[in-house]
Amino acid sequence: MSKQAFMNKKKLFLGNLSIELKKRTVKSVLWSVVLYASETWSMTQADRKRLEAMEMWVWTRMEKISWVDKISSEEVLQRVNERHSGKTQTCG
């Protein structure tokens, strides 16, 4: 559902807005979809990995980085001036 929410707002996330505005939008809109009812989840390691993968998917799409570019997760996070989201660490 979160990927669908991203794709519905694709023009917004891939447009010419500042990176800070895009990040704020991702954090307020996309994470609310991703973490809907998360307080009732029994967070497993697999769930945590899926959330981290979703986070990286969003940042790479937003920065228009292709998977064939072989860019590390750390470099993607540096480009968007982010750390791994704390949301995945506080949900369990």
PDB file of N, CA and C in Angstrom:
ATOM      1  N   MET A   1       0.820  -1.189   0.000  1.00  0.00           N
ATOM      2  CA  MET A   1       0.000   0.000   0.000  1.00  0.00           C
ATOM      3  C   MET A   1       0.867   1.257   0.000  1.00  0.00           C
ATOM      4  N   SER A   2       1.990   1.188   0.673  1.00  0.00           N
ATOM      5  CA  SER A   2       2.846   2.372   0.735  1.00  0.00           C
ATOM      6  C   SER A   2       3.470   2.676  -0.623  1.00  0.00           C
ATOM      7  N   LYS A   3       3.848   1.645  -1.368  1.00  0.00           N
ATOM      8  CA  LYS A   3       4.384   1.888  -2.705  1.00  0.00           C
ATOM      9  C   LYS A   3       3.313   2.495  -3.592  1.00  0.00           C
ATOM     10  N   GLN A   4       2.073   2.044  -3.419  1.00  0.00           N
ATOM     11  CA  GLN A   4       0.980   2.617  -4.195  1.00  0.00           C
ATOM     12  C   GLN A   4       0.767   4.082  -3.821  1.00  0.00           C
ATOM     13  N   ALA A   5       0.866   4.404  -2.540  1.00  0.00           N
ATOM     14  CA  ALA A   5       0.733   5.793  -2.100  1.00  0.00           C
ATOM     15  C   ALA A   5       1.840   6.648  -2.705  1.00  0.00           C
ATOM     16  N   PHE A   6       3.057   6.104  -2.755  1.00  0.00           N
ATOM     17  CA  PHE A   6       4.170   6.827  -3.365  1.00  0.00           C
ATOM     18  C   PHE A   6       3.904   7.061  -4.848  1.00  0.00           C
ATOM     19  N   MET A   7       3.480   6.020  -5.535  1.00  0.00           N
ATOM     20  CA  MET A   7       3.258   6.130  -6.973  1.00  0.00           C
ATOM     21  C   MET A   7       2.099   7.081  -7.281  1.00  0.00           C
ATOM     22  N   ASN A   8       1.091   7.155  -6.405  1.00  0.00           N
ATOM     23  CA  ASN A   8      -0.009   8.090  -6.608  1.00  0.00           C
ATOM     24  C   ASN A   8       0.468   9.535  -6.541  1.00  0.00           C
ATOM     25  N   LYS A   9       1.498   9.790  -5.758  1.00  0.00           N
ATOM     26  CA  LYS A   9       2.061  11.137  -5.597  1.00  0.00           C
ATOM     27  C   LYS A   9       3.415  11.256  -6.288  1.00  0.00           C
ATOM     28  N   LYS A  10       3.630  10.437  -7.290  1.00  0.00           N
ATOM     29  CA  LYS A  10       4.923  10.363  -7.970  1.00  0.00           C
ATOM     30  C   LYS A  10       5.398  11.725  -8.471  1.00  0.00           C
ATOM     31  N   LYS A  11       4.505  12.510  -9.066  1.00  0.00           N
ATOM     32  CA  LYS A  11       4.902  13.818  -9.589  1.00  0.00           C
ATOM     33  C   LYS A  11       5.428  14.711  -8.477  1.00  0.00           C
ATOM     34  N   LEU A  12       4.830  14.602  -7.308  1.00  0.00           N
ATOM     35  CA  LEU A  12       5.263  15.409  -6.168  1.00  0.00           C
ATOM     36  C   LEU A  12       6.662  14.998  -5.710  1.00  0.00           C
ATOM     37  N   PHE A  13       6.879  13.694  -5.550  1.00  0.00           N
ATOM     38  CA  PHE A  13       8.153  13.200  -5.030  1.00  0.00           C
ATOM     39  C   PHE A  13       9.293  13.282  -6.042  1.00  0.00           C
ATOM     40  N   LEU A  14       8.966  13.228  -7.323  1.00  0.00           N
ATOM     41  CA  LEU A  14      10.019  13.255  -8.342  1.00  0.00           C
ATOM     42  C   LEU A  14      10.140  14.616  -9.010  1.00  0.00           C
ATOM     43  N   GLY A  15       9.371  15.574  -8.557  1.00  0.00           N
ATOM     44  CA  GLY A  15       9.366  16.902  -9.158  1.00  0.00           C
ATOM     45  C   GLY A  15      10.540  17.756  -8.725  1.00  0.00           C
ATOM     46  N   ASN A  16      10.408  19.050  -8.930  1.00  0.00           N
ATOM     47  CA  ASN A  16      11.489  19.986  -8.671  1.00  0.00           C
ATOM     48  C   ASN A  16      11.418  20.626  -7.290  1.00  0.00           C
ATOM     49  N   LEU A  17      10.720  20.027  -6.360  1.00  0.00           N
ATOM     50  CA  LEU A  17      10.664  20.550  -4.999  1.00  0.00           C
ATOM     51  C   LEU A  17      12.002  20.351  -4.309  1.00  0.00           C
ATOM     52  N   SER A  18      12.241  21.118  -3.281  1.00  0.00           N
ATOM     53  CA  SER A  18      13.484  20.952  -2.527  1.00  0.00           C
ATOM     54  C   SER A  18      13.491  19.585  -1.842  1.00  0.00           C
ATOM     55  N   ILE A  19      14.674  19.079  -1.609  1.00  0.00           N
ATOM     56  CA  ILE A  19      14.817  17.771  -0.964  1.00  0.00           C
ATOM     57  C   ILE A  19      14.211  17.784   0.432  1.00  0.00           C
ATOM     58  N   GLU A  20      14.320  18.889   1.127  1.00  0.00           N
ATOM     59  CA  GLU A  20      13.764  18.976   2.481  1.00  0.00           C
ATOM     60  C   GLU A  20      12.250  18.881   2.467  1.00  0.00           C
ATOM     61  N   LEU A  21      11.610  19.512   1.504  1.00  0.00           N
ATOM     62  CA  LEU A  21      10.150  19.442   1.403  1.00  0.00           C
ATOM     63  C   LEU A  21       9.698  18.033   1.026  1.00  0.00           C
ATOM     64  N   LYS A  22      10.433  17.399   0.130  1.00  0.00           N
ATOM     65  CA  LYS A  22      10.128  16.015  -0.242  1.00  0.00           C
ATOM     66  C   LYS A  22      10.250  15.096   0.968  1.00  0.00           C
ATOM     67  N   LYS A  23      11.316  15.281   1.752  1.00  0.00           N
ATOM     68  CA  LYS A  23      11.527  14.434   2.933  1.00  0.00           C
ATOM     69  C   LYS A  23      10.407  14.630   3.946  1.00  0.00           C
ATOM     70  N   ARG A  24       9.994  15.874   4.169  1.00  0.00           N
ATOM     71  CA  ARG A  24       8.904  16.137   5.108  1.00  0.00           C
ATOM     72  C   ARG A  24       7.612  15.495   4.645  1.00  0.00           C
ATOM     73  N   THR A  25       7.368  15.521   3.338  1.00  0.00           N
ATOM     74  CA  THR A  25       6.169  14.900   2.787  1.00  0.00           C
ATOM     75  C   THR A  25       6.218  13.387   2.962  1.00  0.00           C
ATOM     76  N   VAL A  26       7.368  12.798   2.680  1.00  0.00           N
ATOM     77  CA  VAL A  26       7.527  11.352   2.859  1.00  0.00           C
ATOM     78  C   VAL A  26       7.254  10.969   4.309  1.00  0.00           C
ATOM     79  N   LYS A  27       7.835  11.719   5.229  1.00  0.00           N
ATOM     80  CA  LYS A  27       7.701  11.385   6.641  1.00  0.00           C
ATOM     81  C   LYS A  27       6.279  11.567   7.141  1.00  0.00           C
ATOM     82  N   SER A  28       5.574  12.556   6.629  1.00  0.00           N
ATOM     83  CA  SER A  28       4.224  12.797   7.134  1.00  0.00           C
ATOM     84  C   SER A  28       3.160  11.965   6.417  1.00  0.00           C
ATOM     85  N   VAL A  29       3.306  11.770   5.115  1.00  0.00           N
ATOM     86  CA  VAL A  29       2.279  11.065   4.356  1.00  0.00           C
ATOM     87  C   VAL A  29       2.580   9.578   4.222  1.00  0.00           C
ATOM     88  N   LEU A  30       3.754   9.257   3.702  1.00  0.00           N
ATOM     89  CA  LEU A  30       4.072   7.865   3.412  1.00  0.00           C
ATOM     90  C   LEU A  30       4.213   7.014   4.668  1.00  0.00           C
ATOM     91  N   TRP A  31       4.920   7.528   5.676  1.00  0.00           N
ATOM     92  CA  TRP A  31       5.110   6.728   6.881  1.00  0.00           C
ATOM     93  C   TRP A  31       3.801   6.487   7.618  1.00  0.00           C
ATOM     94  N   SER A  32       2.831   7.381   7.489  1.00  0.00           N
ATOM     95  CA  SER A  32       1.543   7.127   8.129  1.00  0.00           C
ATOM     96  C   SER A  32       0.843   5.943   7.464  1.00  0.00           C
ATOM     97  N   VAL A  33       1.028   5.783   6.157  1.00  0.00           N
ATOM     98  CA  VAL A  33       0.461   4.630   5.455  1.00  0.00           C
ATOM     99  C   VAL A  33       1.224   3.366   5.839  1.00  0.00           C
ATOM    100  N   VAL A  34       2.545   3.446   5.844  1.00  0.00           N
ATOM    101  CA  VAL A  34       3.378   2.278   6.134  1.00  0.00           C
ATOM    102  C   VAL A  34       3.141   1.755   7.547  1.00  0.00           C
ATOM    103  N   LEU A  35       3.044   2.659   8.493  1.00  0.00           N
ATOM    104  CA  LEU A  35       2.977   2.254   9.896  1.00  0.00           C
ATOM    105  C   LEU A  35       1.556   2.245  10.469  1.00  0.00           C
ATOM    106  N   TYR A  36       0.558   2.241   9.611  1.00  0.00           N
ATOM    107  CA  TYR A  36      -0.815   2.228  10.080  1.00  0.00           C
ATOM    108  C   TYR A  36      -1.046   1.034  11.012  1.00  0.00           C
ATOM    109  N   ALA A  37      -1.525   1.297  12.190  1.00  0.00           N
ATOM    110  CA  ALA A  37      -1.824   0.289  13.218  1.00  0.00           C
ATOM    111  C   ALA A  37      -0.593  -0.480  13.672  1.00  0.00           C
ATOM    112  N   SER A  38       0.578   0.105  13.539  1.00  0.00           N
ATOM    113  CA  SER A  38       1.810  -0.604  13.897  1.00  0.00           C
ATOM    114  C   SER A  38       1.915  -0.892  15.391  1.00  0.00           C
ATOM    115  N   GLU A  39       1.200  -0.129  16.202  1.00  0.00           N
ATOM    116  CA  GLU A  39       1.277  -0.388  17.641  1.00  0.00           C
ATOM    117  C   GLU A  39       0.686  -1.755  18.011  1.00  0.00           C
ATOM    118  N   THR A  40      -0.055  -2.365  17.088  1.00  0.00           N
ATOM    119  CA  THR A  40      -0.617  -3.688  17.364  1.00  0.00           C
ATOM    120  C   THR A  40       0.213  -4.813  16.750  1.00  0.00           C
ATOM    121  N   TRP A  41       1.281  -4.466  16.033  1.00  0.00           N
ATOM    122  CA  TRP A  41       2.106  -5.477  15.392  1.00  0.00           C
ATOM    123  C   TRP A  41       2.989  -6.181  16.411  1.00  0.00           C
ATOM    124  N   SER A  42       3.254  -7.440  16.136  1.00  0.00           N
ATOM    125  CA  SER A  42       4.341  -8.145  16.814  1.00  0.00           C
ATOM    126  C   SER A  42       5.524  -8.059  15.864  1.00  0.00           C
ATOM    127  N   MET A  43       6.400  -7.110  16.128  1.00  0.00           N
ATOM    128  CA  MET A  43       7.491  -6.804  15.203  1.00  0.00           C
ATOM    129  C   MET A  43       8.520  -7.924  15.201  1.00  0.00           C
ATOM    130  N   THR A  44       8.732  -8.505  14.038  1.00  0.00           N
ATOM    131  CA  THR A  44       9.748  -9.534  13.879  1.00  0.00           C
ATOM    132  C   THR A  44      10.935  -8.933  13.136  1.00  0.00           C
ATOM    133  N   GLN A  45      12.012  -9.664  13.104  1.00  0.00           N
ATOM    134  CA  GLN A  45      13.191  -9.210  12.372  1.00  0.00           C
ATOM    135  C   GLN A  45      12.872  -9.064  10.890  1.00  0.00           C
ATOM    136  N   ALA A  46      12.051  -9.971  10.354  1.00  0.00           N
ATOM    137  CA  ALA A  46      11.665  -9.896   8.941  1.00  0.00           C
ATOM    138  C   ALA A  46      10.854  -8.624   8.673  1.00  0.00           C
ATOM    139  N   ASP A  47       9.957  -8.265   9.592  1.00  0.00           N
ATOM    140  CA  ASP A  47       9.186  -7.024   9.440  1.00  0.00           C
ATOM    141  C   ASP A  47      10.097  -5.809   9.460  1.00  0.00           C
ATOM    142  N   ARG A  48      11.052  -5.828  10.339  1.00  0.00           N
ATOM    143  CA  ARG A  48      12.003  -4.721  10.450  1.00  0.00           C
ATOM    144  C   ARG A  48      12.785  -4.555   9.141  1.00  0.00           C
ATOM    145  N   LYS A  49      13.207  -5.675   8.551  1.00  0.00           N
ATOM    146  CA  LYS A  49      13.944  -5.628   7.287  1.00  0.00           C
ATOM    147  C   LYS A  49      13.066  -5.105   6.161  1.00  0.00           C
ATOM    148  N   ARG A  50      11.788  -5.497   6.160  1.00  0.00           N
ATOM    149  CA  ARG A  50      10.867  -5.006   5.137  1.00  0.00           C
ATOM    150  C   ARG A  50      10.672  -3.501   5.252  1.00  0.00           C
ATOM    151  N   LEU A  51      10.553  -3.006   6.478  1.00  0.00           N
ATOM    152  CA  LEU A  51      10.394  -1.567   6.683  1.00  0.00           C
ATOM    153  C   LEU A  51      11.635  -0.804   6.232  1.00  0.00           C
ATOM    154  N   GLU A  52      12.805  -1.344   6.533  1.00  0.00           N
ATOM    155  CA  GLU A  52      14.044  -0.702   6.100  1.00  0.00           C
ATOM    156  C   GLU A  52      14.176  -0.736   4.576  1.00  0.00           C
ATOM    157  N   ALA A  53      13.754  -1.843   3.971  1.00  0.00           N
ATOM    158  CA  ALA A  53      13.790  -1.938   2.511  1.00  0.00           C
ATOM    159  C   ALA A  53      12.835  -0.932   1.882  1.00  0.00           C
ATOM    160  N   MET A  54      11.669  -0.761   2.476  1.00  0.00           N
ATOM    161  CA  MET A  54      10.711   0.222   1.986  1.00  0.00           C
ATOM    162  C   MET A  54      11.284   1.633   2.077  1.00  0.00           C
ATOM    163  N   GLU A  55      11.917   1.912   3.199  1.00  0.00           N
ATOM    164  CA  GLU A  55      12.534   3.222   3.394  1.00  0.00           C
ATOM    165  C   GLU A  55      13.576   3.490   2.313  1.00  0.00           C
ATOM    166  N   MET A  56      14.441   2.519   2.045  1.00  0.00           N
ATOM    167  CA  MET A  56      15.485   2.693   1.043  1.00  0.00           C
ATOM    168  C   MET A  56      14.886   2.805  -0.359  1.00  0.00           C
ATOM    169  N   TRP A  57      13.814   2.059  -0.631  1.00  0.00           N
ATOM    170  CA  TRP A  57      13.143   2.143  -1.918  1.00  0.00           C
ATOM    171  C   TRP A  57      12.643   3.568  -2.161  1.00  0.00           C
ATOM    172  N   VAL A  58      12.052   4.159  -1.133  1.00  0.00           N
ATOM    173  CA  VAL A  58      11.534   5.524  -1.250  1.00  0.00           C
ATOM    174  C   VAL A  58      12.654   6.506  -1.539  1.00  0.00           C
ATOM    175  N   TRP A  59      13.739   6.431  -0.753  1.00  0.00           N
ATOM    176  CA  TRP A  59      14.830   7.388  -0.950  1.00  0.00           C
ATOM    177  C   TRP A  59      15.482   7.226  -2.322  1.00  0.00           C
ATOM    178  N   THR A  60      15.676   5.986  -2.784  1.00  0.00           N
ATOM    179  CA  THR A  60      16.301   5.794  -4.090  1.00  0.00           C
ATOM    180  C   THR A  60      15.386   6.262  -5.214  1.00  0.00           C
ATOM    181  N   ARG A  61      14.097   6.006  -5.102  1.00  0.00           N
ATOM    182  CA  ARG A  61      13.160   6.500  -6.124  1.00  0.00           C
ATOM    183  C   ARG A  61      13.126   8.019  -6.133  1.00  0.00           C
ATOM    184  N   MET A  62      13.113   8.614  -4.960  1.00  0.00           N
ATOM    185  CA  MET A  62      13.041  10.059  -4.852  1.00  0.00           C
ATOM    186  C   MET A  62      14.282  10.716  -5.471  1.00  0.00           C
ATOM    187  N   GLU A  63      15.429  10.082  -5.318  1.00  0.00           N
ATOM    188  CA  GLU A  63      16.673  10.604  -5.876  1.00  0.00           C
ATOM    189  C   GLU A  63      16.926  10.133  -7.312  1.00  0.00           C
ATOM    190  N   LYS A  64      15.982   9.366  -7.854  1.00  0.00           N
ATOM    191  CA  LYS A  64      16.077   8.858  -9.239  1.00  0.00           C
ATOM    192  C   LYS A  64      17.341   8.039  -9.453  1.00  0.00           C
ATOM    193  N   ILE A  65      17.624   7.166  -8.499  1.00  0.00           N
ATOM    194  CA  ILE A  65      18.787   6.286  -8.576  1.00  0.00           C
ATOM    195  C   ILE A  65      18.318   4.924  -9.063  1.00  0.00           C
ATOM    196  N   SER A  66      18.920   4.436 -10.115  1.00  0.00           N
ATOM    197  CA  SER A  66      18.580   3.128 -10.659  1.00  0.00           C
ATOM    198  C   SER A  66      19.302   2.040  -9.870  1.00  0.00           C
ATOM    199  N   TRP A  67      18.690   0.867  -9.800  1.00  0.00           N
ATOM    200  CA  TRP A  67      19.325  -0.233  -9.075  1.00  0.00           C
ATOM    201  C   TRP A  67      20.591  -0.693  -9.778  1.00  0.00           C
ATOM    202  N   VAL A  68      20.724  -0.438 -11.068  1.00  0.00           N
ATOM    203  CA  VAL A  68      21.928  -0.849 -11.801  1.00  0.00           C
ATOM    204  C   VAL A  68      23.108   0.065 -11.503  1.00  0.00           C
ATOM    205  N   ASP A  69      22.865   1.199 -10.838  1.00  0.00           N
ATOM    206  CA  ASP A  69      23.955   2.112 -10.486  1.00  0.00           C
ATOM    207  C   ASP A  69      24.817   1.572  -9.351  1.00  0.00           C
ATOM    208  N   LYS A  70      24.338   0.548  -8.652  1.00  0.00           N
ATOM    209  CA  LYS A  70      25.085  -0.103  -7.568  1.00  0.00           C
ATOM    210  C   LYS A  70      25.536   0.905  -6.505  1.00  0.00           C
ATOM    211  N   ILE A  71      24.608   1.741  -6.058  1.00  0.00           N
ATOM    212  CA  ILE A  71      24.866   2.728  -5.016  1.00  0.00           C
ATOM    213  C   ILE A  71      24.518   2.082  -3.670  1.00  0.00           C
ATOM    214  N   SER A  72      25.392   2.211  -2.694  1.00  0.00           N
ATOM    215  CA  SER A  72      25.142   1.597  -1.387  1.00  0.00           C
ATOM    216  C   SER A  72      24.049   2.356  -0.641  1.00  0.00           C
ATOM    217  N   SER A  73      23.439   1.698   0.311  1.00  0.00           N
ATOM    218  CA  SER A  73      22.402   2.319   1.137  1.00  0.00           C
ATOM    219  C   SER A  73      22.956   3.514   1.892  1.00  0.00           C
ATOM    220  N   GLU A  74      24.175   3.386   2.378  1.00  0.00           N
ATOM    221  CA  GLU A  74      24.793   4.478   3.119  1.00  0.00           C
ATOM    222  C   GLU A  74      24.955   5.720   2.240  1.00  0.00           C
ATOM    223  N   GLU A  75      25.330   5.514   0.985  1.00  0.00           N
ATOM    224  CA  GLU A  75      25.503   6.648   0.082  1.00  0.00           C
ATOM    225  C   GLU A  75      24.160   7.297  -0.255  1.00  0.00           C
ATOM    226  N   VAL A  76      23.130   6.477  -0.425  1.00  0.00           N
ATOM    227  CA  VAL A  76      21.791   7.025  -0.678  1.00  0.00           C
ATOM    228  C   VAL A  76      21.352   7.871   0.505  1.00  0.00           C
ATOM    229  N   LEU A  77      21.559   7.361   1.715  1.00  0.00           N
ATOM    230  CA  LEU A  77      21.185   8.106   2.913  1.00  0.00           C
ATOM    231  C   LEU A  77      21.980   9.405   3.029  1.00  0.00           C
ATOM    232  N   GLN A  78      23.237   9.397   2.625  1.00  0.00           N
ATOM    233  CA  GLN A  78      24.043  10.620   2.628  1.00  0.00           C
ATOM    234  C   GLN A  78      23.497  11.627   1.631  1.00  0.00           C
ATOM    235  N   ARG A  79      23.073  11.153   0.466  1.00  0.00           N
ATOM    236  CA  ARG A  79      22.552  12.057  -0.564  1.00  0.00           C
ATOM    237  C   ARG A  79      21.284  12.778  -0.098  1.00  0.00           C
ATOM    238  N   VAL A  80      20.446  12.071   0.677  1.00  0.00           N
ATOM    239  CA  VAL A  80      19.214  12.700   1.162  1.00  0.00           C
ATOM    240  C   VAL A  80      19.392  13.267   2.565  1.00  0.00           C
ATOM    241  N   ASN A  81      20.624  13.180   3.085  1.00  0.00           N
ATOM    242  CA  ASN A  81      20.939  13.712   4.410  1.00  0.00           C
ATOM    243  C   ASN A  81      20.025  13.116   5.477  1.00  0.00           C
ATOM    244  N   GLU A  82      19.961  11.794   5.512  1.00  0.00           N
ATOM    245  CA  GLU A  82      19.102  11.055   6.443  1.00  0.00           C
ATOM    246  C   GLU A  82      19.893   9.936   7.105  1.00  0.00           C
ATOM    247  N   ARG A  83      19.326   9.440   8.188  1.00  0.00           N
ATOM    248  CA  ARG A  83      19.784   8.209   8.815  1.00  0.00           C
ATOM    249  C   ARG A  83      18.675   7.194   8.612  1.00  0.00           C
ATOM    250  N   HIS A  84      18.959   5.922   8.923  1.00  0.00           N
ATOM    251  CA  HIS A  84      17.867   4.953   8.899  1.00  0.00           C
ATOM    252  C   HIS A  84      16.807   5.445   9.855  1.00  0.00           C
ATOM    253  N   SER A  85      15.585   5.322   9.441  1.00  0.00           N
ATOM    254  CA  SER A  85      14.479   5.856  10.227  1.00  0.00           C
ATOM    255  C   SER A  85      14.409   5.230  11.603  1.00  0.00           C
ATOM    256  N   GLY A  86      14.216   6.042  12.610  1.00  0.00           N
ATOM    257  CA  GLY A  86      14.035   5.550  13.964  1.00  0.00           C
ATOM    258  C   GLY A  86      12.716   4.856  14.156  1.00  0.00           C
ATOM    259  N   LYS A  87      11.797   5.055  13.228  1.00  0.00           N
ATOM    260  CA  LYS A  87      10.467   4.455  13.329  1.00  0.00           C
ATOM    261  C   LYS A  87      10.563   2.940  13.358  1.00  0.00           C
ATOM    262  N   THR A  88      11.497   2.369  12.599  1.00  0.00           N
ATOM    263  CA  THR A  88      11.608   0.925  12.579  1.00  0.00           C
ATOM    264  C   THR A  88      12.181   0.398  13.887  1.00  0.00           C
ATOM    265  N   GLN A  89      12.842   1.246  14.655  1.00  0.00           N
ATOM    266  CA  GLN A  89      13.435   0.807  15.902  1.00  0.00           C
ATOM    267  C   GLN A  89      12.492   0.983  17.082  1.00  0.00           C
ATOM    268  N   THR A  90      11.497   1.861  16.979  1.00  0.00           N
ATOM    269  CA  THR A  90      10.617   2.126  18.099  1.00  0.00           C
ATOM    270  C   THR A  90       9.294   1.386  18.000  1.00  0.00           C
ATOM    271  N   CYS A  91       9.116   0.587  16.967  1.00  0.00           N
ATOM    272  CA  CYS A  91       7.823  -0.086  16.766  1.00  0.00           C
ATOM    273  C   CYS A  91       7.745  -1.415  17.504  1.00  0.00           C
ATOM    274  N   GLY A  92       8.709  -1.847  18.177  1.00  0.00           N
ATOM    275  CA  GLY A  92       8.630  -3.184  18.720  1.00  0.00           C
ATOM    276  C   GLY A  92       8.775  -3.267  20.124  1.00  0.00           C
TER     277      GLY A  92
END
